[in-house]
Amino acid sequence: MLLSFDSTIKANISVGPPIDFQIYETDSFHTGPTGRFHKDDPYLLEISNGWGRALNVTFDTMPNLSLILVKDKIKENLNSAKYLGYFSEKYQNFFINL
């Protein structure tokens, strides 16, 4: 749960701590205990830092996107789209000459 909040906090400036929570027991039909994580909470900071490190490691292991592949994908898209009239001749010539 907190990983999702951490990603949302980093992606959306209007979202941030404190993070309030409530525990609900299935089919109990009554509210359970509540709590709050503040921005300086050690557990919240540990989750955020650990998630950030894990994302960096994952990012570093991803293959690079080559310019040749990008050009090929643009040409593939152009070839399928030009029959539908999506691109003017000016743009078709631009992409073909990449």
N, C-alpha and C. Protein backbone atom coordinates (compact mmCIF):
# COMPACT_ATOMS: atom_id res chain seq x y z
N MET A 1 0.83 -1.18 0.00
CA MET A 1 0.00 0.00 0.00
C MET A 1 0.87 1.25 0.00
N LEU A 2 1.89 1.29 0.82
CA LEU A 2 2.69 2.50 0.91
C LEU A 2 3.55 2.73 -0.34
N LEU A 3 3.90 1.68 -1.07
CA LEU A 3 4.65 1.87 -2.31
C LEU A 3 3.82 2.66 -3.30
N SER A 4 2.55 2.33 -3.38
CA SER A 4 1.66 3.04 -4.29
C SER A 4 1.55 4.51 -3.89
N PHE A 5 1.42 4.77 -2.61
CA PHE A 5 1.35 6.15 -2.16
C PHE A 5 2.65 6.89 -2.46
N ASP A 6 3.79 6.22 -2.22
CA ASP A 6 5.08 6.86 -2.47
C ASP A 6 5.21 7.26 -3.93
N SER A 7 4.85 6.37 -4.84
CA SER A 7 4.92 6.69 -6.27
C SER A 7 3.99 7.84 -6.63
N THR A 8 2.81 7.84 -6.06
CA THR A 8 1.84 8.91 -6.32
C THR A 8 2.35 10.24 -5.78
N ILE A 9 2.94 10.22 -4.60
CA ILE A 9 3.49 11.44 -3.99
C ILE A 9 4.57 12.03 -4.89
N LYS A 10 5.43 11.16 -5.44
CA LYS A 10 6.52 11.64 -6.29
C LYS A 10 6.02 12.13 -7.65
N ALA A 11 4.90 11.59 -8.11
CA ALA A 11 4.39 11.93 -9.44
C ALA A 11 3.40 13.10 -9.42
N ASN A 12 2.84 13.42 -8.27
CA ASN A 12 1.78 14.42 -8.21
C ASN A 12 2.04 15.36 -7.05
N ILE A 13 2.36 16.59 -7.36
CA ILE A 13 2.73 17.57 -6.33
C ILE A 13 1.59 17.86 -5.35
N SER A 14 0.35 17.58 -5.74
CA SER A 14 -0.78 17.87 -4.87
C SER A 14 -1.05 16.74 -3.85
N VAL A 15 -0.25 15.67 -3.92
CA VAL A 15 -0.43 14.55 -2.99
C VAL A 15 0.79 14.49 -2.07
N GLY A 16 0.55 14.27 -0.78
CA GLY A 16 1.68 14.17 0.14
C GLY A 16 1.24 13.80 1.53
N PRO A 17 2.22 13.54 2.41
CA PRO A 17 1.92 13.20 3.79
C PRO A 17 1.22 14.37 4.47
N PRO A 18 0.51 14.10 5.53
CA PRO A 18 0.43 12.80 6.21
C PRO A 18 -0.47 11.82 5.44
N ILE A 19 -0.19 10.53 5.65
CA ILE A 19 -1.00 9.46 5.06
C ILE A 19 -1.80 8.83 6.19
N ASP A 20 -3.11 9.00 6.10
CA ASP A 20 -4.01 8.41 7.09
C ASP A 20 -4.44 7.03 6.63
N PHE A 21 -4.63 6.13 7.58
CA PHE A 21 -5.12 4.79 7.23
C PHE A 21 -6.10 4.30 8.29
N GLN A 22 -6.87 3.33 7.87
CA GLN A 22 -7.80 2.68 8.78
C GLN A 22 -7.82 1.19 8.45
N ILE A 23 -7.84 0.38 9.47
CA ILE A 23 -7.89 -1.07 9.29
C ILE A 23 -9.35 -1.50 9.40
N TYR A 24 -9.78 -2.26 8.41
CA TYR A 24 -11.15 -2.75 8.38
C TYR A 24 -11.13 -4.27 8.28
N GLU A 25 -11.80 -4.92 9.18
CA GLU A 25 -11.91 -6.37 9.15
C GLU A 25 -13.09 -6.75 8.25
N THR A 26 -12.82 -7.63 7.30
CA THR A 26 -13.84 -8.03 6.34
C THR A 26 -15.13 -8.45 7.03
N ASP A 27 -16.24 -7.91 6.50
CA ASP A 27 -17.59 -8.22 6.97
C ASP A 27 -17.85 -7.83 8.42
N SER A 28 -17.02 -6.98 9.02
CA SER A 28 -17.24 -6.59 10.42
C SER A 28 -18.28 -5.48 10.54
N PHE A 29 -18.45 -4.70 9.49
CA PHE A 29 -19.42 -3.60 9.46
C PHE A 29 -19.18 -2.58 10.56
N HIS A 30 -17.93 -2.44 10.98
CA HIS A 30 -17.59 -1.35 11.91
C HIS A 30 -16.16 -0.90 11.63
N THR A 31 -15.89 0.34 11.97
CA THR A 31 -14.56 0.89 11.72
C THR A 31 -13.56 0.28 12.69
N GLY A 32 -12.35 0.16 12.21
CA GLY A 32 -11.28 -0.39 13.02
C GLY A 32 -10.30 0.69 13.43
N PRO A 33 -9.14 0.26 13.89
CA PRO A 33 -8.13 1.23 14.34
C PRO A 33 -7.65 2.12 13.18
N THR A 34 -7.26 3.32 13.52
CA THR A 34 -6.75 4.27 12.53
C THR A 34 -5.34 4.68 12.91
N GLY A 35 -4.64 5.25 11.96
CA GLY A 35 -3.29 5.73 12.21
C GLY A 35 -2.89 6.74 11.17
N ARG A 36 -1.69 7.27 11.32
CA ARG A 36 -1.20 8.30 10.40
C ARG A 36 0.31 8.18 10.27
N PHE A 37 0.77 8.25 9.02
CA PHE A 37 2.20 8.33 8.74
C PHE A 37 2.51 9.79 8.40
N HIS A 38 3.42 10.41 9.15
CA HIS A 38 3.85 11.77 8.87
C HIS A 38 5.05 11.73 7.93
N LYS A 39 5.38 12.88 7.32
CA LYS A 39 6.44 12.91 6.31
C LYS A 39 7.81 12.49 6.85
N ASP A 40 8.04 12.64 8.14
CA ASP A 40 9.34 12.27 8.72
C ASP A 40 9.30 10.92 9.44
N ASP A 41 8.25 10.14 9.20
CA ASP A 41 8.14 8.83 9.83
C ASP A 41 9.27 7.91 9.32
N PRO A 42 10.04 7.29 10.22
CA PRO A 42 11.16 6.45 9.79
C PRO A 42 10.75 5.32 8.84
N TYR A 43 9.62 4.68 9.10
CA TYR A 43 9.18 3.59 8.23
C TYR A 43 8.83 4.11 6.84
N LEU A 44 8.11 5.22 6.78
CA LEU A 44 7.74 5.82 5.49
C LEU A 44 9.00 6.22 4.71
N LEU A 45 9.97 6.79 5.39
CA LEU A 45 11.23 7.17 4.74
C LEU A 45 11.99 5.95 4.24
N GLU A 46 11.99 4.88 5.03
CA GLU A 46 12.66 3.65 4.61
C GLU A 46 12.01 3.05 3.37
N ILE A 47 10.68 3.03 3.35
CA ILE A 47 9.95 2.54 2.18
C ILE A 47 10.28 3.40 0.95
N SER A 48 10.24 4.70 1.11
CA SER A 48 10.49 5.61 0.00
C SER A 48 11.92 5.46 -0.53
N ASN A 49 12.88 5.45 0.36
CA ASN A 49 14.28 5.32 -0.06
C ASN A 49 14.56 3.96 -0.69
N GLY A 50 14.02 2.90 -0.10
CA GLY A 50 14.21 1.56 -0.65
C GLY A 50 13.58 1.41 -2.01
N TRP A 51 12.39 1.96 -2.17
CA TRP A 51 11.69 1.90 -3.46
C TRP A 51 12.47 2.70 -4.51
N GLY A 52 12.99 3.84 -4.12
CA GLY A 52 13.79 4.65 -5.04
C GLY A 52 15.05 3.92 -5.49
N ARG A 53 15.73 3.27 -4.55
CA ARG A 53 16.93 2.50 -4.91
C ARG A 53 16.57 1.34 -5.84
N ALA A 54 15.49 0.65 -5.54
CA ALA A 54 15.08 -0.49 -6.38
C ALA A 54 14.72 -0.03 -7.79
N LEU A 55 14.06 1.10 -7.92
CA LEU A 55 13.72 1.62 -9.24
C LEU A 55 14.98 2.00 -10.02
N ASN A 56 15.96 2.59 -9.33
CA ASN A 56 17.21 2.96 -10.00
C ASN A 56 17.96 1.73 -10.49
N VAL A 57 18.01 0.68 -9.69
CA VAL A 57 18.67 -0.56 -10.10
C VAL A 57 17.95 -1.15 -11.31
N THR A 58 16.63 -1.18 -11.26
CA THR A 58 15.85 -1.72 -12.37
C THR A 58 16.06 -0.88 -13.63
N PHE A 59 16.03 0.42 -13.48
CA PHE A 59 16.22 1.31 -14.62
C PHE A 59 17.59 1.08 -15.26
N ASP A 60 18.61 0.90 -14.43
CA ASP A 60 19.97 0.69 -14.94
C ASP A 60 20.13 -0.62 -15.69
N THR A 61 19.24 -1.58 -15.46
CA THR A 61 19.35 -2.87 -16.13
C THR A 61 18.49 -2.95 -17.40
N MET A 62 17.72 -1.92 -17.68
CA MET A 62 16.88 -1.92 -18.86
C MET A 62 17.74 -1.70 -20.10
N PRO A 63 17.38 -2.34 -21.22
CA PRO A 63 18.16 -2.14 -22.45
C PRO A 63 17.97 -0.72 -22.99
N ASN A 64 19.03 -0.21 -23.61
CA ASN A 64 18.94 1.11 -24.24
C ASN A 64 18.07 1.04 -25.49
N LEU A 65 17.41 2.13 -25.77
CA LEU A 65 16.60 2.25 -26.98
C LEU A 65 17.48 2.87 -28.05
N SER A 66 17.75 2.13 -29.12
CA SER A 66 18.64 2.64 -30.16
C SER A 66 17.87 3.53 -31.14
N LEU A 67 18.60 4.47 -31.72
CA LEU A 67 18.01 5.37 -32.71
C LEU A 67 17.56 4.59 -33.94
N ILE A 68 18.27 3.53 -34.27
CA ILE A 68 17.88 2.70 -35.42
C ILE A 68 16.51 2.07 -35.17
N LEU A 69 16.29 1.55 -33.96
CA LEU A 69 15.00 0.96 -33.63
C LEU A 69 13.89 2.01 -33.68
N VAL A 70 14.18 3.20 -33.18
CA VAL A 70 13.19 4.28 -33.21
C VAL A 70 12.82 4.61 -34.65
N LYS A 71 13.81 4.73 -35.51
CA LYS A 71 13.54 5.02 -36.92
C LYS A 71 12.70 3.91 -37.55
N ASP A 72 13.05 2.66 -37.26
CA ASP A 72 12.29 1.53 -37.81
C ASP A 72 10.83 1.58 -37.35
N LYS A 73 10.60 1.89 -36.07
CA LYS A 73 9.23 1.94 -35.54
C LYS A 73 8.44 3.08 -36.17
N ILE A 74 9.11 4.21 -36.40
CA ILE A 74 8.42 5.33 -37.05
C ILE A 74 8.03 4.94 -38.46
N LYS A 75 8.95 4.29 -39.18
CA LYS A 75 8.65 3.88 -40.55
C LYS A 75 7.54 2.84 -40.59
N GLU A 76 7.54 1.89 -39.63
CA GLU A 76 6.45 0.90 -39.56
C GLU A 76 5.11 1.60 -39.37
N ASN A 77 5.08 2.54 -38.45
CA ASN A 77 3.85 3.26 -38.17
C ASN A 77 3.42 4.07 -39.38
N LEU A 78 4.39 4.70 -40.03
CA LEU A 78 4.08 5.49 -41.22
C LEU A 78 3.51 4.60 -42.32
N ASN A 79 4.12 3.45 -42.54
CA ASN A 79 3.65 2.55 -43.59
C ASN A 79 2.22 2.09 -43.34
N SER A 80 1.87 1.85 -42.09
CA SER A 80 0.50 1.41 -41.83
C SER A 80 -0.47 2.58 -41.78
N ALA A 81 0.00 3.75 -41.37
CA ALA A 81 -0.89 4.90 -41.22
C ALA A 81 -1.11 5.66 -42.52
N LYS A 82 -0.13 5.63 -43.44
CA LYS A 82 -0.28 6.47 -44.64
C LYS A 82 -1.46 6.01 -45.49
N TYR A 83 -1.79 4.72 -45.43
CA TYR A 83 -2.93 4.24 -46.19
C TYR A 83 -4.24 4.77 -45.63
N LEU A 84 -4.20 5.17 -44.37
CA LEU A 84 -5.39 5.72 -43.75
C LEU A 84 -5.42 7.25 -43.85
N GLY A 85 -4.38 7.83 -44.44
CA GLY A 85 -4.34 9.28 -44.63
C GLY A 85 -3.99 10.06 -43.38
N TYR A 86 -3.29 9.45 -42.43
CA TYR A 86 -2.94 10.15 -41.19
C TYR A 86 -1.86 11.20 -41.38
N PHE A 87 -0.94 10.96 -42.31
CA PHE A 87 0.17 11.88 -42.49
C PHE A 87 0.10 12.53 -43.87
N SER A 88 0.41 13.81 -43.90
CA SER A 88 0.48 14.48 -45.20
C SER A 88 1.74 13.99 -45.91
N GLU A 89 1.82 14.26 -47.21
CA GLU A 89 2.99 13.82 -47.99
C GLU A 89 4.27 14.43 -47.44
N LYS A 90 4.20 15.68 -46.96
CA LYS A 90 5.37 16.35 -46.39
C LYS A 90 5.95 15.54 -45.24
N TYR A 91 5.10 15.09 -44.34
CA TYR A 91 5.58 14.32 -43.19
C TYR A 91 5.98 12.91 -43.58
N GLN A 92 5.32 12.33 -44.56
CA GLN A 92 5.71 11.00 -45.03
C GLN A 92 7.14 11.05 -45.56
N ASN A 93 7.47 12.07 -46.36
CA ASN A 93 8.83 12.19 -46.92
C ASN A 93 9.85 12.43 -45.81
N PHE A 94 9.49 13.22 -44.81
CA PHE A 94 10.39 13.47 -43.68
C PHE A 94 10.75 12.16 -42.99
N PHE A 95 9.74 11.34 -42.66
CA PHE A 95 10.00 10.10 -41.94
C PHE A 95 10.72 9.08 -42.81
N ILE A 96 10.43 9.03 -44.08
CA ILE A 96 11.09 8.07 -44.97
C ILE A 96 12.58 8.38 -45.07
N ASN A 97 12.93 9.67 -45.02
CA ASN A 97 14.34 10.09 -45.17
C ASN A 97 15.11 10.13 -43.85
N LEU A 98 14.56 9.61 -42.79
CA LEU A 98 15.28 9.60 -41.50
C LEU A 98 16.57 8.80 -41.61
